[in-house]
Amino acid sequence: MVNKVVLITGGTRGIGRSLVDKFLQKQFIVASFSSNAKNVSLLRQAYPEENRLFLRTVDINNKQASLAFVTDTIKKFGRIDYLFLNSGICEDITFSKMTDNQWEKVLSTNISSLFTLSQAVFKQMMQQSGSKKIYTMTSTAGIYGVFGQTNYSASKAAIIGFSKSLALEGKKYGIQVNAIAPAALTDMTMPVMNKIAKKYNKKNQPLPDYWQIGTSEALADTVYKLSQMDGALTGKVFGINGNQIVLYEEPSSSLFDLTP
């Protein structure tokens, strides 16, 4: 029996659900929540007698409810060893047409709520011994930018800065913090991938390798393997697509010549 506790936000569908399945398979205790009560019920139905699965319907933007879930997880299991900050949304629209609500909703869900939950877990981890790991979910949109995603890209770029800074603070307590830029076929990414596939089909061109995206199950398996690596691996940004994993290098700089 592993007896390690992992908290996974947004664990009822897509990548989050695959992470829940994988860590339960590996005998972890899993605490997870979602704002969708139906999806929470469906996940419980998949594991009707699994006492290692602690579930609740929680809106991650509800600060009190999020903090209560962390508190109750600690009361129930005594610790939190791993945290996967998986919850996130996108509201794609060109910048000139973007409303205040579309901006604020994405930033609130993707970055502001991350602060509330991770701070509570970080404080708990400071008091614990053993392996302590936090994984945030960023995106290549936060590295390169994407047309029509200024809100989403801003939130994902913020997550990278957040993760690297928290990793520096966590070293003193043996808390490892890394960011993952995932690529997987899920109900959120499928519509986009279908449009891209149709675009290349019309041109009678094959889908480029970088659009060959793996399943969320394969991604979860790779994420699990990454989480089990020994050593002080922290402050990194990993790109994961199926069983492929890349490490994004630190940005470099060079003098820019303004001479005409």
Protein backbone atom coordinates (compact mmCIF):
# COMPACT_ATOMS: atom_id res chain seq x y z
CA MET A 1 0.00 0.00 0.00
CA VAL A 2 1.40 3.39 -1.04
CA ASN A 3 -0.52 5.49 1.53
CA LYS A 4 0.38 8.71 -0.27
CA VAL A 5 -2.28 11.36 -0.83
CA VAL A 6 -2.68 13.21 -4.12
CA LEU A 7 -5.10 16.11 -4.62
CA ILE A 8 -6.22 16.64 -8.22
CA THR A 9 -8.42 19.58 -9.16
CA GLY A 10 -10.83 19.16 -12.05
CA GLY A 11 -10.55 15.40 -11.80
CA THR A 12 -13.83 14.28 -13.35
CA ARG A 13 -13.06 14.53 -17.06
CA GLY A 14 -10.27 14.79 -19.60
CA ILE A 15 -6.72 14.88 -18.29
CA GLY A 16 -7.88 15.22 -14.68
CA ARG A 17 -9.99 12.07 -14.88
CA SER A 18 -7.12 10.13 -16.42
CA LEU A 19 -4.84 11.30 -13.60
CA VAL A 20 -7.40 10.16 -11.01
CA ASP A 21 -7.63 6.74 -12.68
CA LYS A 22 -3.85 6.38 -12.90
CA PHE A 23 -3.11 7.30 -9.28
CA LEU A 24 -5.90 5.07 -7.98
CA GLN A 25 -4.45 2.26 -10.09
CA LYS A 26 -1.10 2.90 -8.42
CA GLN A 27 -2.74 2.60 -4.97
CA PHE A 28 -2.63 6.28 -4.06
CA ILE A 29 -5.29 7.96 -1.96
CA VAL A 30 -6.96 10.46 -4.30
CA ALA A 31 -8.87 13.61 -3.33
CA SER A 32 -10.54 15.43 -6.20
CA PHE A 33 -13.33 17.83 -7.01
CA SER A 34 -15.21 19.43 -9.87
CA SER A 35 -17.88 22.08 -10.22
CA ASN A 36 -20.01 19.67 -12.27
CA ALA A 37 -22.13 17.58 -9.90
CA LYS A 38 -23.11 15.14 -12.65
CA ASN A 39 -19.48 14.40 -13.50
CA VAL A 40 -18.65 13.96 -9.81
CA SER A 41 -21.49 11.44 -9.54
CA LEU A 42 -20.30 9.56 -12.64
CA LEU A 43 -16.78 9.30 -11.23
CA ARG A 44 -18.11 7.96 -7.94
CA GLN A 45 -20.21 5.41 -9.85
CA ALA A 46 -17.03 4.21 -11.54
CA TYR A 47 -15.53 3.54 -8.09
CA PRO A 48 -18.57 2.82 -5.89
CA GLU A 49 -16.67 1.05 -3.10
CA GLU A 50 -13.31 2.80 -3.34
CA ASN A 51 -12.58 4.35 0.05
CA ARG A 52 -9.30 5.75 -1.28
CA LEU A 53 -11.28 8.23 -3.42
CA PHE A 54 -12.50 11.41 -1.70
CA LEU A 55 -14.85 13.39 -3.96
CA ARG A 56 -16.86 16.57 -3.69
CA THR A 57 -18.65 19.07 -5.92
CA VAL A 58 -16.70 22.33 -5.57
CA ASP A 59 -16.39 25.42 -7.75
CA ILE A 60 -12.69 26.27 -7.71
CA ASN A 61 -13.60 29.97 -7.88
CA ASN A 62 -15.36 29.61 -4.52
CA LYS A 63 -12.54 30.39 -2.11
CA GLN A 64 -14.29 29.13 1.02
CA ALA A 65 -15.36 25.85 -0.61
CA SER A 66 -11.87 25.23 -2.03
CA LEU A 67 -10.20 25.86 1.32
CA ALA A 68 -12.75 23.65 3.08
CA PHE A 69 -11.93 20.81 0.69
CA VAL A 70 -8.22 21.10 1.47
CA THR A 71 -8.94 21.23 5.21
CA ASP A 72 -11.24 18.20 5.06
CA THR A 73 -8.73 16.24 2.98
CA ILE A 74 -6.05 16.85 5.61
CA LYS A 75 -8.45 15.95 8.45
CA LYS A 76 -9.42 12.73 6.68
CA PHE A 77 -5.98 11.54 5.55
CA GLY A 78 -3.50 13.53 7.63
CA ARG A 79 -1.43 14.90 4.77
CA ILE A 80 -1.22 15.88 1.08
CA ASP A 81 1.85 14.58 -0.75
CA TYR A 82 1.12 15.63 -4.33
CA LEU A 83 -0.99 18.45 -5.76
CA PHE A 84 -2.08 18.63 -9.40
CA LEU A 85 -3.61 22.00 -10.26
CA ASN A 86 -5.44 20.76 -13.30
CA SER A 87 -8.57 22.96 -13.42
CA GLY A 88 -8.73 25.44 -16.28
CA ILE A 89 -10.97 26.97 -18.93
CA CYS A 90 -10.67 28.90 -22.16
CA GLU A 91 -12.92 31.55 -23.71
CA ASP A 92 -11.50 32.06 -27.20
CA ILE A 93 -12.22 35.33 -28.98
CA THR A 94 -10.15 38.01 -30.69
CA PHE A 95 -8.88 40.71 -28.37
CA SER A 96 -10.91 43.58 -29.90
CA LYS A 97 -14.14 41.66 -29.23
CA MET A 98 -13.24 40.29 -25.79
CA THR A 99 -15.50 41.35 -22.92
CA ASP A 100 -14.44 42.12 -19.36
CA ASN A 101 -16.25 38.97 -18.26
CA GLN A 102 -14.38 36.76 -20.75
CA TRP A 103 -11.07 38.16 -19.54
CA GLU A 104 -11.86 38.00 -15.83
CA LYS A 105 -13.48 34.55 -15.94
CA VAL A 106 -10.43 32.91 -17.52
CA LEU A 107 -7.91 34.71 -15.30
CA SER A 108 -9.96 33.96 -12.18
CA THR A 109 -10.30 30.26 -12.92
CA ASN A 110 -6.84 29.65 -14.32
CA ILE A 111 -4.61 31.72 -12.04
CA SER A 112 -6.41 33.46 -9.14
CA SER A 113 -8.01 30.24 -7.85
CA LEU A 114 -4.64 28.53 -8.20
CA PHE A 115 -3.22 30.90 -5.57
CA THR A 116 -5.93 30.13 -3.03
CA LEU A 117 -5.70 26.35 -3.26
CA SER A 118 -1.94 25.98 -3.66
CA GLN A 119 -1.18 28.30 -0.75
CA ALA A 120 -3.29 26.17 1.59
CA VAL A 121 -1.60 22.97 0.39
CA PHE A 122 1.87 24.57 0.42
CA LYS A 123 1.45 25.54 4.10
CA GLN A 124 0.50 21.95 4.91
CA MET A 125 3.46 20.57 2.97
CA MET A 126 5.84 22.86 4.88
CA GLN A 127 5.01 20.85 8.01
CA GLN A 128 5.42 17.42 6.40
CA SER A 129 8.34 15.11 5.75
CA GLY A 130 8.77 12.88 2.72
CA SER A 131 8.22 13.70 -0.94
CA LYS A 132 6.15 16.83 -1.55
CA LYS A 133 5.33 17.80 -5.11
CA ILE A 134 3.16 20.42 -6.81
CA TYR A 135 2.35 20.31 -10.52
CA THR A 136 0.68 23.18 -12.34
CA MET A 137 -0.87 22.91 -15.80
CA THR A 138 0.38 25.53 -18.23
CA SER A 139 0.23 25.49 -22.03
CA THR A 140 2.36 26.26 -25.06
CA ALA A 141 -0.09 29.17 -25.45
CA GLY A 142 1.65 30.70 -22.44
CA ILE A 143 5.04 30.25 -24.10
CA TYR A 144 4.37 31.19 -27.73
CA GLY A 145 0.93 32.82 -27.68
CA VAL A 146 -2.11 31.78 -29.73
CA PHE A 147 -4.33 33.91 -31.96
CA GLY A 148 -7.65 34.61 -30.23
CA GLN A 149 -6.38 33.52 -26.81
CA THR A 150 -4.94 36.61 -25.14
CA ASN A 151 -6.82 35.80 -21.92
CA TYR A 152 -5.90 32.11 -21.89
CA SER A 153 -2.30 32.75 -22.97
CA ALA A 154 -1.88 35.41 -20.28
CA SER A 155 -3.13 33.02 -17.60
CA LYS A 156 -0.87 30.20 -18.75
CA ALA A 157 2.19 32.45 -18.95
CA ALA A 158 1.40 33.59 -15.40
CA ILE A 159 1.34 29.96 -14.28
CA ILE A 160 4.91 29.48 -15.52
CA GLY A 161 6.16 32.48 -13.55
CA PHE A 162 4.15 31.36 -10.53
CA SER A 163 5.58 27.84 -10.68
CA LYS A 164 9.20 28.94 -11.03
CA SER A 165 8.89 31.42 -8.17
CA LEU A 166 7.13 28.95 -5.88
CA ALA A 167 9.81 26.37 -6.67
CA LEU A 168 12.43 28.77 -5.30
CA GLU A 169 10.47 29.21 -2.06
CA GLY A 170 9.74 25.50 -1.80
CA LYS A 171 13.38 24.39 -1.87
CA LYS A 172 13.83 25.24 1.80
CA TYR A 173 11.08 22.75 2.69
CA GLY A 174 11.84 20.08 0.10
CA ILE A 175 8.75 20.98 -1.93
CA GLN A 176 9.20 20.44 -5.65
CA VAL A 177 7.15 22.60 -8.03
CA ASN A 178 7.01 22.00 -11.78
CA ALA A 179 4.76 23.07 -14.64
CA ILE A 180 3.36 20.77 -17.32
CA ALA A 181 2.24 21.89 -20.77
CA PRO A 182 0.00 18.95 -21.76
CA ALA A 183 -1.26 17.88 -25.16
CA ALA A 184 -4.06 15.31 -25.19
CA LEU A 185 -7.29 14.53 -26.99
CA THR A 186 -10.08 15.48 -24.59
CA ASP A 187 -13.60 16.82 -24.89
CA MET A 188 -12.10 20.33 -24.62
CA THR A 189 -9.45 19.90 -27.33
CA MET A 190 -11.38 17.63 -29.72
CA PRO A 191 -13.36 20.45 -31.45
CA VAL A 192 -10.12 22.33 -32.17
CA MET A 193 -8.39 19.19 -33.44
CA ASN A 194 -11.33 18.36 -35.72
CA LYS A 195 -11.11 21.82 -37.30
CA ILE A 196 -7.37 21.45 -37.82
CA ALA A 197 -7.79 17.97 -39.34
CA LYS A 198 -10.46 19.26 -41.77
CA LYS A 199 -8.18 22.12 -42.78
CA TYR A 200 -5.40 19.72 -43.81
CA ASN A 201 -7.83 17.28 -45.41
CA LYS A 202 -9.13 20.02 -47.71
CA LYS A 203 -5.55 20.66 -48.81
CA ASN A 204 -4.96 16.90 -49.22
CA GLN A 205 -2.07 17.25 -46.81
CA PRO A 206 -1.14 14.94 -43.93
CA LEU A 207 -1.51 16.22 -40.40
CA PRO A 208 1.91 17.53 -39.25
CA ASP A 209 3.68 15.60 -36.51
CA TYR A 210 3.19 18.39 -33.98
CA TRP A 211 -0.59 17.99 -34.33
CA GLN A 212 -0.42 14.24 -33.69
CA ILE A 213 -1.81 14.36 -30.18
CA GLY A 214 -1.97 11.36 -27.85
CA THR A 215 -4.69 10.26 -25.47
CA SER A 216 -5.21 11.64 -21.97
CA GLU A 217 -4.58 8.11 -20.64
CA ALA A 218 -1.12 8.00 -22.23
CA LEU A 219 -0.38 11.47 -20.91
CA ALA A 220 -1.44 10.50 -17.39
CA ASP A 221 0.89 7.51 -17.51
CA THR A 222 3.81 9.77 -18.49
CA VAL A 223 2.91 12.33 -15.82
CA TYR A 224 2.84 9.57 -13.22
CA LYS A 225 6.30 8.37 -14.26
CA LEU A 226 7.59 11.94 -14.06
CA SER A 227 6.15 12.33 -10.57
CA GLN A 228 8.02 9.23 -9.40
CA MET A 229 11.46 10.42 -10.47
CA ASP A 230 13.97 10.80 -7.68
CA GLY A 231 16.08 13.88 -7.15
CA ALA A 232 15.38 17.57 -6.66
CA LEU A 233 13.61 18.15 -9.95
CA THR A 234 11.98 21.55 -9.50
CA GLY A 235 11.30 24.84 -11.28
CA LYS A 236 10.99 23.12 -14.67
CA VAL A 237 8.47 23.33 -17.51
CA PHE A 238 7.72 20.03 -19.24
CA GLY A 239 5.80 19.51 -22.45
CA ILE A 240 4.01 16.15 -22.48
CA ASN A 241 2.23 14.56 -25.44
CA GLY A 242 1.32 10.92 -24.91
CA ASN A 243 4.51 9.13 -23.92
CA GLN A 244 6.71 11.91 -25.26
CA ILE A 245 8.15 14.46 -22.88
CA VAL A 246 10.24 17.54 -23.57
CA LEU A 247 11.98 19.92 -21.19
CA TYR A 248 11.66 23.57 -22.13
CA GLU A 249 15.01 25.30 -21.82
CA GLU A 250 15.47 28.50 -19.88
CA PRO A 251 15.02 31.57 -22.12
CA SER A 252 18.23 33.10 -23.42
CA SER A 253 18.99 36.69 -24.31
CA SER A 254 21.38 38.56 -26.56
CA LEU A 255 22.16 42.21 -27.19
CA PHE A 256 19.90 43.85 -29.75
CA ASP A 257 21.56 46.25 -32.14
CA LEU A 258 19.58 49.47 -32.73
CA THR A 259 22.08 50.78 -35.23
CA PRO A 260 20.27 51.67 -38.51
